[in-house]
Each structure stands twice: as structure tokens, then as C-alpha cells.
């Protein structure tokens, strides 16, 4: 089972690299890949805003995940305490 998973992961990685190589190599050395992407030429301001967007995404993901986990844990604790009350007879 472990060999099968490792083989699948290796095949997926190699296939991804093989398919992305032409796309990555097309812009290098020809003048068209000199800082110009889909949205045009990039500068420090664009890079900074993208960085802050990624940072905000991960911070919000952690905060929302913590809130959801807290609510689920509260439900679990309430259900567990109700079960214990039934056993004891309170």
C-alpha cells in the first residue's frame, strides 16, 4: 500500500513538472518574461499588494477555522456532559 501511494505521488509530481516546463520556459531569455505577467508588468506596489492579500487570506483561514472548531468543540462538550448526566442521574 505504501509503495503504491509513493509511486502515485512520484508519478503525479513528474507529470506536473513535465506539463508545466514548457509554460515556465517560454518566457525566459526571450524578453517577454521580464517581469510581465497576465496583469501586465509588475512593480513593487503590485507585489506588495499580492503579498498582503495572501497574508490576509491565511490569517482569515486560521481565525475562521478556530471559530468553527470552538463551536464544534462546545457542541461536543455539551453532548458529552448530557450523556454523563444521564449515567449519573442528575
C-alpha atoms as a PDB file:
ATOM      1  CA  UNK A   1       0.000   0.000   0.000  1.00  0.00           C
ATOM      2  CA  UNK A   2       2.815   2.381   0.906  1.00  0.00           C
ATOM      3  CA  UNK A   3       4.673   1.701  -2.336  1.00  0.00           C
ATOM      4  CA  UNK A   4       1.519   2.342  -4.311  1.00  0.00           C
ATOM      5  CA  UNK A   5       0.953   5.709  -2.645  1.00  0.00           C
ATOM      6  CA  UNK A   6       4.600   6.696  -3.081  1.00  0.00           C
ATOM      7  CA  UNK A   7       4.513   5.645  -6.742  1.00  0.00           C
ATOM      8  CA  UNK A   8       1.334   7.618  -7.372  1.00  0.00           C
ATOM      9  CA  UNK A   9       2.788  10.705  -5.684  1.00  0.00           C
ATOM     10  CA  UNK A  10       6.005  10.417  -7.687  1.00  0.00           C
ATOM     11  CA  UNK A  11       4.136   9.935 -10.974  1.00  0.00           C
ATOM     12  CA  UNK A  12       1.885  12.916 -10.243  1.00  0.00           C
ATOM     13  CA  UNK A  13       4.854  15.134  -9.409  1.00  0.00           C
ATOM     14  CA  UNK A  14       6.769  14.150 -12.525  1.00  0.00           C
ATOM     15  CA  UNK A  15       3.708  14.610 -14.740  1.00  0.00           C
ATOM     16  CA  UNK A  16       3.059  18.055 -13.269  1.00  0.00           C
ATOM     17  CA  UNK A  17       6.659  19.124 -13.817  1.00  0.00           C
ATOM     18  CA  UNK A  18       6.683  17.755 -17.364  1.00  0.00           C
ATOM     19  CA  UNK A  19       3.481  19.574 -18.294  1.00  0.00           C
ATOM     20  CA  UNK A  20       4.486  22.872 -16.688  1.00  0.00           C
ATOM     21  CA  UNK A  21       8.025  23.009 -18.066  1.00  0.00           C
ATOM     22  CA  UNK A  22       7.098  24.471 -21.488  1.00  0.00           C
ATOM     23  CA  UNK A  23       4.928  27.128 -19.893  1.00  0.00           C
ATOM     24  CA  UNK A  24       7.666  28.138 -17.479  1.00  0.00           C
ATOM     25  CA  UNK A  25      10.446  28.090 -20.055  1.00  0.00           C
ATOM     26  CA  UNK A  26       8.631  30.100 -22.723  1.00  0.00           C
ATOM     27  CA  UNK A  27       9.210  33.463 -21.069  1.00  0.00           C
ATOM     28  CA  UNK A  28      12.851  33.138 -20.061  1.00  0.00           C
ATOM     29  CA  UNK A  29      15.558  34.583 -22.258  1.00  0.00           C
ATOM     30  CA  UNK A  30      13.254  35.928 -24.947  1.00  0.00           C
ATOM     31  CA  UNK A  31      12.496  39.314 -23.485  1.00  0.00           C
ATOM     32  CA  UNK A  32       8.819  38.588 -22.948  1.00  0.00           C
ATOM     33  CA  UNK A  33       9.285  37.203 -19.451  1.00  0.00           C
ATOM     34  CA  UNK A  34      10.954  40.277 -17.993  1.00  0.00           C
ATOM     35  CA  UNK A  35       8.531  40.890 -15.144  1.00  0.00           C
ATOM     36  CA  UNK A  36       5.417  40.878 -17.291  1.00  0.00           C
ATOM     37  CA  UNK A  37       2.614  38.588 -16.257  1.00  0.00           C
ATOM     38  CA  UNK A  38      -1.056  38.160 -17.006  1.00  0.00           C
ATOM     39  CA  UNK A  39      -1.947  41.519 -15.476  1.00  0.00           C
ATOM     40  CA  UNK A  40       0.897  43.389 -17.170  1.00  0.00           C
ATOM     41  CA  UNK A  41       4.250  44.494 -15.894  1.00  0.00           C
ATOM     42  CA  UNK A  42       4.770  44.011 -12.178  1.00  0.00           C
ATOM     43  CA  UNK A  43       6.331  46.527  -9.850  1.00  0.00           C
ATOM     44  CA  UNK A  44       6.916  46.739  -6.111  1.00  0.00           C
ATOM     45  CA  UNK A  45       3.425  48.037  -5.399  1.00  0.00           C
ATOM     46  CA  UNK A  46       1.734  45.092  -7.146  1.00  0.00           C
ATOM     47  CA  UNK A  47       3.980  42.559  -5.419  1.00  0.00           C
ATOM     48  CA  UNK A  48       3.303  44.161  -2.027  1.00  0.00           C
ATOM     49  CA  UNK A  49      -0.477  44.110  -2.505  1.00  0.00           C
ATOM     50  CA  UNK A  50      -0.414  40.478  -3.627  1.00  0.00           C
ATOM     51  CA  UNK A  51       1.714  39.586  -0.616  1.00  0.00           C
ATOM     52  CA  UNK A  52      -0.697  41.314   1.760  1.00  0.00           C
ATOM     53  CA  UNK A  53      -3.632  39.582   0.071  1.00  0.00           C
ATOM     54  CA  UNK A  54      -2.047  36.160   0.560  1.00  0.00           C
ATOM     55  CA  UNK A  55      -1.151  37.013   4.153  1.00  0.00           C
ATOM     56  CA  UNK A  56      -4.708  38.177   4.883  1.00  0.00           C
ATOM     57  CA  UNK A  57      -6.140  35.010   3.319  1.00  0.00           C
ATOM     58  CA  UNK A  58      -4.128  32.734   5.591  1.00  0.00           C
ATOM     59  CA  UNK A  59      -4.824  34.799   8.705  1.00  0.00           C
ATOM     60  CA  UNK A  60      -8.554  34.727   7.997  1.00  0.00           C
ATOM     61  CA  UNK A  61      -8.414  30.997   7.277  1.00  0.00           C
ATOM     62  CA  UNK A  62      -6.846  30.348  10.676  1.00  0.00           C
ATOM     63  CA  UNK A  63      -9.287  32.626  12.502  1.00  0.00           C
ATOM     64  CA  UNK A  64     -12.397  31.201  10.825  1.00  0.00           C
ATOM     65  CA  UNK A  65     -11.136  27.650  11.325  1.00  0.00           C
ATOM     66  CA  UNK A  66     -10.564  28.345  15.024  1.00  0.00           C
ATOM     67  CA  UNK A  67     -14.057  29.784  15.419  1.00  0.00           C
ATOM     68  CA  UNK A  68     -15.605  26.750  13.719  1.00  0.00           C
ATOM     69  CA  UNK A  69     -13.521  24.348  15.804  1.00  0.00           C
ATOM     70  CA  UNK A  70     -14.532  26.159  19.009  1.00  0.00           C
ATOM     71  CA  UNK A  71     -18.230  25.917  18.127  1.00  0.00           C
ATOM     72  CA  UNK A  72     -17.937  22.221  17.297  1.00  0.00           C
ATOM     73  CA  UNK A  73     -15.998  21.537  20.493  1.00  0.00           C
ATOM     74  CA  UNK A  74     -18.674  23.324  22.512  1.00  0.00           C
ATOM     75  CA  UNK A  75     -21.368  21.100  20.950  1.00  0.00           C
ATOM     76  CA  UNK A  76     -19.265  18.022  21.652  1.00  0.00           C
ATOM     77  CA  UNK A  77     -18.743  19.001  25.302  1.00  0.00           C
ATOM     78  CA  UNK A  78     -22.457  19.705  25.800  1.00  0.00           C
ATOM     79  CA  UNK A  79     -23.415  16.343  24.307  1.00  0.00           C
ATOM     80  CA  UNK A  80     -20.805  14.561  26.417  1.00  0.00           C
ATOM     81  CA  UNK A  81     -21.964  16.266  29.619  1.00  0.00           C
ATOM     82  CA  UNK A  82     -25.595  15.357  28.839  1.00  0.00           C
ATOM     83  CA  UNK A  83     -24.561  11.727  28.418  1.00  0.00           C
ATOM     84  CA  UNK A  84     -22.690  11.806  31.719  1.00  0.00           C
ATOM     85  CA  UNK A  85     -25.701  13.366  33.476  1.00  0.00           C
ATOM     86  CA  UNK A  86     -27.874  10.525  32.215  1.00  0.00           C
ATOM     87  CA  UNK A  87     -25.432   7.933  33.527  1.00  0.00           C
ATOM     88  CA  UNK A  88     -25.127   9.532  36.955  1.00  0.00           C
ATOM     89  CA  UNK A  89     -28.770  10.508  37.245  1.00  0.00           C
ATOM     90  CA  UNK A  90     -28.615  14.214  37.830  1.00  0.00           C
END
